[in-house]
Amino acid sequence: WLSVMAAVVEEPLDLIKLSLNERIFIKCRHGRELRGKLHAYDQHMNMVLSEVEETVTASEVDEETYEEVIKTTKRTMEMLFVRGDAVILVSPPLRTS
């Protein structure tokens, strides 16, 4: 399977193309992570996802103890447009065959 994958992926966006209609993982700026089904993308890495699970991780400093407190919030959305300049990493679906 890897040899077939290597032959098909000649440019970075080829890997994204192979992930169309698959669930992917996207890491964005400001502690935001997305998991969803990829419907469309362009050369700027703008993407349209459906069935999206968003996780936002933020750290705050407790004013009394001065300890760092990590807060995680989650939400789901039916459809989401992701602007490409916010994208840090895109991980295609795990293929095991």
N, C-alpha and C. Protein backbone atom coordinates (compact mmCIF):
# COMPACT_ATOMS: atom_id res chain seq x y z
N TRP A 1 0.83 -1.20 0.00
CA TRP A 1 0.00 0.00 0.00
C TRP A 1 0.87 1.25 0.00
N LEU A 2 1.95 1.24 0.75
CA LEU A 2 2.81 2.43 0.81
C LEU A 2 3.43 2.75 -0.53
N SER A 3 3.78 1.76 -1.31
CA SER A 3 4.37 2.03 -2.62
C SER A 3 3.35 2.67 -3.55
N VAL A 4 2.09 2.24 -3.46
CA VAL A 4 1.02 2.86 -4.24
C VAL A 4 0.84 4.31 -3.79
N MET A 5 0.85 4.53 -2.47
CA MET A 5 0.70 5.87 -1.90
C MET A 5 1.83 6.78 -2.39
N ALA A 6 3.05 6.30 -2.39
CA ALA A 6 4.20 7.10 -2.82
C ALA A 6 4.07 7.49 -4.29
N ALA A 7 3.54 6.62 -5.10
CA ALA A 7 3.37 6.91 -6.52
C ALA A 7 2.28 7.96 -6.76
N VAL A 8 1.27 7.97 -5.91
CA VAL A 8 0.14 8.89 -6.07
C VAL A 8 0.45 10.26 -5.49
N VAL A 9 1.23 10.32 -4.42
CA VAL A 9 1.51 11.58 -3.73
C VAL A 9 2.81 12.17 -4.26
N GLU A 10 2.67 13.15 -5.14
CA GLU A 10 3.84 13.83 -5.70
C GLU A 10 3.99 15.23 -5.12
N GLU A 11 2.88 15.82 -4.70
CA GLU A 11 2.87 17.16 -4.10
C GLU A 11 2.09 17.09 -2.79
N PRO A 12 2.35 18.02 -1.87
CA PRO A 12 1.64 17.99 -0.59
C PRO A 12 0.12 17.96 -0.72
N LEU A 13 -0.44 18.71 -1.65
CA LEU A 13 -1.90 18.74 -1.76
C LEU A 13 -2.48 17.43 -2.29
N ASP A 14 -1.63 16.57 -2.88
CA ASP A 14 -2.11 15.25 -3.32
C ASP A 14 -2.58 14.43 -2.12
N LEU A 15 -1.91 14.57 -0.99
CA LEU A 15 -2.30 13.84 0.22
C LEU A 15 -3.67 14.31 0.70
N ILE A 16 -3.91 15.61 0.58
CA ILE A 16 -5.22 16.16 0.96
C ILE A 16 -6.29 15.63 0.00
N LYS A 17 -5.96 15.59 -1.28
CA LYS A 17 -6.91 15.10 -2.29
C LYS A 17 -7.33 13.67 -1.98
N LEU A 18 -6.40 12.83 -1.55
CA LEU A 18 -6.71 11.45 -1.21
C LEU A 18 -7.60 11.34 0.02
N SER A 19 -7.69 12.43 0.80
CA SER A 19 -8.47 12.43 2.03
C SER A 19 -9.89 12.96 1.85
N LEU A 20 -10.26 13.33 0.61
CA LEU A 20 -11.62 13.82 0.37
C LEU A 20 -12.64 12.76 0.79
N ASN A 21 -13.69 13.23 1.44
CA ASN A 21 -14.77 12.37 1.96
C ASN A 21 -14.30 11.41 3.05
N GLU A 22 -13.18 11.72 3.67
CA GLU A 22 -12.65 10.94 4.80
C GLU A 22 -12.58 11.84 6.02
N ARG A 23 -12.54 11.23 7.22
CA ARG A 23 -12.36 12.02 8.45
C ARG A 23 -10.89 12.33 8.62
N ILE A 24 -10.58 13.61 8.82
CA ILE A 24 -9.20 14.05 9.00
C ILE A 24 -9.06 14.80 10.31
N PHE A 25 -7.82 15.00 10.72
CA PHE A 25 -7.49 15.77 11.92
C PHE A 25 -6.75 17.01 11.48
N ILE A 26 -7.16 18.17 12.00
CA ILE A 26 -6.51 19.44 11.68
C ILE A 26 -6.11 20.13 12.98
N LYS A 27 -4.85 20.52 13.07
CA LYS A 27 -4.37 21.31 14.21
C LYS A 27 -4.26 22.74 13.72
N CYS A 28 -4.88 23.65 14.46
CA CYS A 28 -4.89 25.06 14.09
C CYS A 28 -4.15 25.90 15.12
N ARG A 29 -3.99 27.14 14.79
CA ARG A 29 -3.38 28.09 15.74
C ARG A 29 -4.28 28.25 16.97
N HIS A 30 -3.68 28.77 18.03
CA HIS A 30 -4.40 29.12 19.26
C HIS A 30 -5.03 27.91 19.95
N GLY A 31 -4.37 26.74 19.87
CA GLY A 31 -4.82 25.57 20.62
C GLY A 31 -6.10 24.93 20.13
N ARG A 32 -6.42 25.12 18.87
CA ARG A 32 -7.67 24.59 18.31
C ARG A 32 -7.37 23.33 17.50
N GLU A 33 -8.14 22.28 17.74
CA GLU A 33 -8.01 21.03 16.99
C GLU A 33 -9.36 20.64 16.43
N LEU A 34 -9.37 20.17 15.20
CA LEU A 34 -10.62 19.80 14.53
C LEU A 34 -10.53 18.38 13.99
N ARG A 35 -11.63 17.67 14.08
CA ARG A 35 -11.76 16.37 13.44
C ARG A 35 -13.07 16.41 12.67
N GLY A 36 -13.01 16.07 11.40
CA GLY A 36 -14.23 16.10 10.60
C GLY A 36 -14.02 15.50 9.23
N LYS A 37 -15.11 15.38 8.51
CA LYS A 37 -15.09 14.80 7.17
C LYS A 37 -14.78 15.91 6.16
N LEU A 38 -13.74 15.70 5.37
CA LEU A 38 -13.29 16.71 4.40
C LEU A 38 -14.14 16.66 3.15
N HIS A 39 -14.74 17.82 2.81
CA HIS A 39 -15.57 17.91 1.60
C HIS A 39 -14.90 18.67 0.47
N ALA A 40 -14.12 19.69 0.82
CA ALA A 40 -13.49 20.51 -0.21
C ALA A 40 -12.26 21.21 0.37
N TYR A 41 -11.34 21.59 -0.51
CA TYR A 41 -10.14 22.32 -0.12
C TYR A 41 -9.64 23.10 -1.33
N ASP A 42 -8.74 24.05 -1.09
CA ASP A 42 -8.11 24.75 -2.20
C ASP A 42 -6.61 24.88 -1.95
N GLN A 43 -5.92 25.57 -2.85
CA GLN A 43 -4.46 25.68 -2.76
C GLN A 43 -4.00 26.48 -1.55
N HIS A 44 -4.90 27.22 -0.90
CA HIS A 44 -4.57 28.00 0.30
C HIS A 44 -4.83 27.20 1.58
N MET A 45 -5.25 25.96 1.44
CA MET A 45 -5.61 25.08 2.56
C MET A 45 -6.91 25.50 3.24
N ASN A 46 -7.70 26.34 2.57
CA ASN A 46 -9.06 26.56 3.05
C ASN A 46 -9.78 25.22 2.88
N MET A 47 -10.58 24.85 3.88
CA MET A 47 -11.25 23.55 3.82
C MET A 47 -12.69 23.65 4.31
N VAL A 48 -13.52 22.77 3.78
CA VAL A 48 -14.90 22.64 4.25
C VAL A 48 -15.02 21.25 4.87
N LEU A 49 -15.45 21.23 6.14
CA LEU A 49 -15.61 19.99 6.89
C LEU A 49 -17.06 19.83 7.33
N SER A 50 -17.48 18.56 7.49
CA SER A 50 -18.78 18.29 8.09
C SER A 50 -18.57 17.38 9.29
N GLU A 51 -19.62 17.24 10.10
CA GLU A 51 -19.57 16.39 11.30
C GLU A 51 -18.31 16.70 12.11
N VAL A 52 -18.15 17.98 12.44
CA VAL A 52 -16.91 18.48 13.04
C VAL A 52 -16.94 18.41 14.56
N GLU A 53 -15.84 17.91 15.12
CA GLU A 53 -15.61 17.95 16.56
C GLU A 53 -14.46 18.93 16.78
N GLU A 54 -14.71 19.99 17.52
CA GLU A 54 -13.69 21.00 17.81
C GLU A 54 -13.27 20.90 19.27
N THR A 55 -11.97 20.91 19.50
CA THR A 55 -11.42 20.95 20.85
C THR A 55 -10.51 22.17 20.94
N VAL A 56 -10.77 23.03 21.92
CA VAL A 56 -9.93 24.20 22.13
C VAL A 56 -9.28 24.07 23.49
N THR A 57 -7.95 24.15 23.50
CA THR A 57 -7.18 24.06 24.73
C THR A 57 -6.53 25.41 24.99
N ALA A 58 -6.79 25.95 26.17
CA ALA A 58 -6.23 27.25 26.53
C ALA A 58 -5.62 27.16 27.92
N SER A 59 -4.55 27.90 28.14
CA SER A 59 -3.95 27.92 29.47
C SER A 59 -4.13 29.30 30.08
N GLU A 60 -4.45 29.31 31.36
CA GLU A 60 -4.62 30.55 32.11
C GLU A 60 -3.79 30.44 33.37
N VAL A 61 -3.45 31.58 33.94
CA VAL A 61 -2.70 31.59 35.20
C VAL A 61 -3.67 31.96 36.32
N ASP A 62 -3.75 31.07 37.32
CA ASP A 62 -4.59 31.34 38.49
C ASP A 62 -4.00 32.53 39.23
N GLU A 63 -4.80 33.57 39.45
CA GLU A 63 -4.29 34.81 40.04
C GLU A 63 -3.90 34.66 41.51
N GLU A 64 -4.46 33.68 42.19
CA GLU A 64 -4.13 33.47 43.60
C GLU A 64 -2.89 32.60 43.77
N THR A 65 -2.83 31.51 43.01
CA THR A 65 -1.72 30.55 43.20
C THR A 65 -0.62 30.72 42.15
N TYR A 66 -0.88 31.49 41.12
CA TYR A 66 0.05 31.68 39.99
C TYR A 66 0.39 30.38 39.28
N GLU A 67 -0.48 29.39 39.43
CA GLU A 67 -0.29 28.12 38.73
C GLU A 67 -0.99 28.18 37.38
N GLU A 68 -0.42 27.47 36.42
CA GLU A 68 -1.02 27.40 35.10
C GLU A 68 -2.20 26.41 35.15
N VAL A 69 -3.33 26.86 34.63
CA VAL A 69 -4.53 26.03 34.59
C VAL A 69 -4.87 25.80 33.11
N ILE A 70 -4.96 24.52 32.74
CA ILE A 70 -5.29 24.17 31.36
C ILE A 70 -6.80 23.94 31.27
N LYS A 71 -7.45 24.65 30.33
CA LYS A 71 -8.89 24.49 30.13
C LYS A 71 -9.13 23.93 28.73
N THR A 72 -9.99 22.93 28.67
CA THR A 72 -10.34 22.33 27.39
C THR A 72 -11.84 22.43 27.20
N THR A 73 -12.24 22.96 26.04
CA THR A 73 -13.66 23.02 25.71
C THR A 73 -13.88 22.28 24.40
N LYS A 74 -15.02 21.62 24.32
CA LYS A 74 -15.35 20.85 23.12
C LYS A 74 -16.72 21.25 22.63
N ARG A 75 -16.89 21.16 21.30
CA ARG A 75 -18.21 21.38 20.71
C ARG A 75 -18.26 20.66 19.37
N THR A 76 -19.47 20.45 18.88
CA THR A 76 -19.66 19.80 17.58
C THR A 76 -20.42 20.75 16.66
N MET A 77 -20.15 20.64 15.37
CA MET A 77 -20.81 21.46 14.36
C MET A 77 -21.13 20.60 13.15
N GLU A 78 -22.24 20.91 12.49
CA GLU A 78 -22.60 20.15 11.29
C GLU A 78 -21.66 20.46 10.14
N MET A 79 -21.32 21.73 9.95
CA MET A 79 -20.50 22.14 8.82
C MET A 79 -19.60 23.29 9.25
N LEU A 80 -18.38 23.33 8.71
CA LEU A 80 -17.43 24.37 9.11
C LEU A 80 -16.52 24.70 7.94
N PHE A 81 -16.29 26.00 7.74
CA PHE A 81 -15.28 26.47 6.79
C PHE A 81 -14.03 26.80 7.60
N VAL A 82 -12.90 26.20 7.24
CA VAL A 82 -11.64 26.44 7.94
C VAL A 82 -10.76 27.29 7.04
N ARG A 83 -10.36 28.44 7.53
CA ARG A 83 -9.49 29.31 6.75
C ARG A 83 -8.06 28.76 6.79
N GLY A 84 -7.43 28.67 5.65
CA GLY A 84 -6.14 28.04 5.51
C GLY A 84 -5.02 28.65 6.33
N ASP A 85 -5.06 29.96 6.57
CA ASP A 85 -3.95 30.57 7.31
C ASP A 85 -3.96 30.23 8.79
N ALA A 86 -5.03 29.58 9.26
CA ALA A 86 -5.08 29.13 10.66
C ALA A 86 -4.54 27.71 10.82
N VAL A 87 -4.34 27.00 9.71
CA VAL A 87 -3.96 25.59 9.74
C VAL A 87 -2.46 25.42 9.99
N ILE A 88 -2.12 24.57 10.96
CA ILE A 88 -0.73 24.23 11.25
C ILE A 88 -0.40 22.86 10.69
N LEU A 89 -1.35 21.90 10.83
CA LEU A 89 -1.08 20.51 10.45
C LEU A 89 -2.37 19.85 10.00
N VAL A 90 -2.26 19.01 9.00
CA VAL A 90 -3.40 18.20 8.54
C VAL A 90 -2.95 16.76 8.54
N SER A 91 -3.70 15.90 9.22
CA SER A 91 -3.38 14.48 9.27
C SER A 91 -4.48 13.70 8.55
N PRO A 92 -4.10 12.95 7.52
CA PRO A 92 -5.09 12.15 6.81
C PRO A 92 -5.56 11.00 7.68
N PRO A 93 -6.61 10.29 7.24
CA PRO A 93 -7.10 9.16 8.02
C PRO A 93 -6.03 8.07 8.12
N LEU A 94 -6.07 7.32 9.20
CA LEU A 94 -5.14 6.20 9.39
C LEU A 94 -5.59 5.05 8.50
N ARG A 95 -4.70 4.64 7.63
CA ARG A 95 -5.01 3.51 6.74
C ARG A 95 -4.12 2.34 7.15
N THR A 96 -4.74 1.22 7.44
CA THR A 96 -3.96 0.10 7.98
C THR A 96 -3.84 -1.08 7.02
N SER A 97 -4.49 -1.01 5.87
CA SER A 97 -4.43 -2.17 4.95
C SER A 97 -3.25 -2.10 4.01
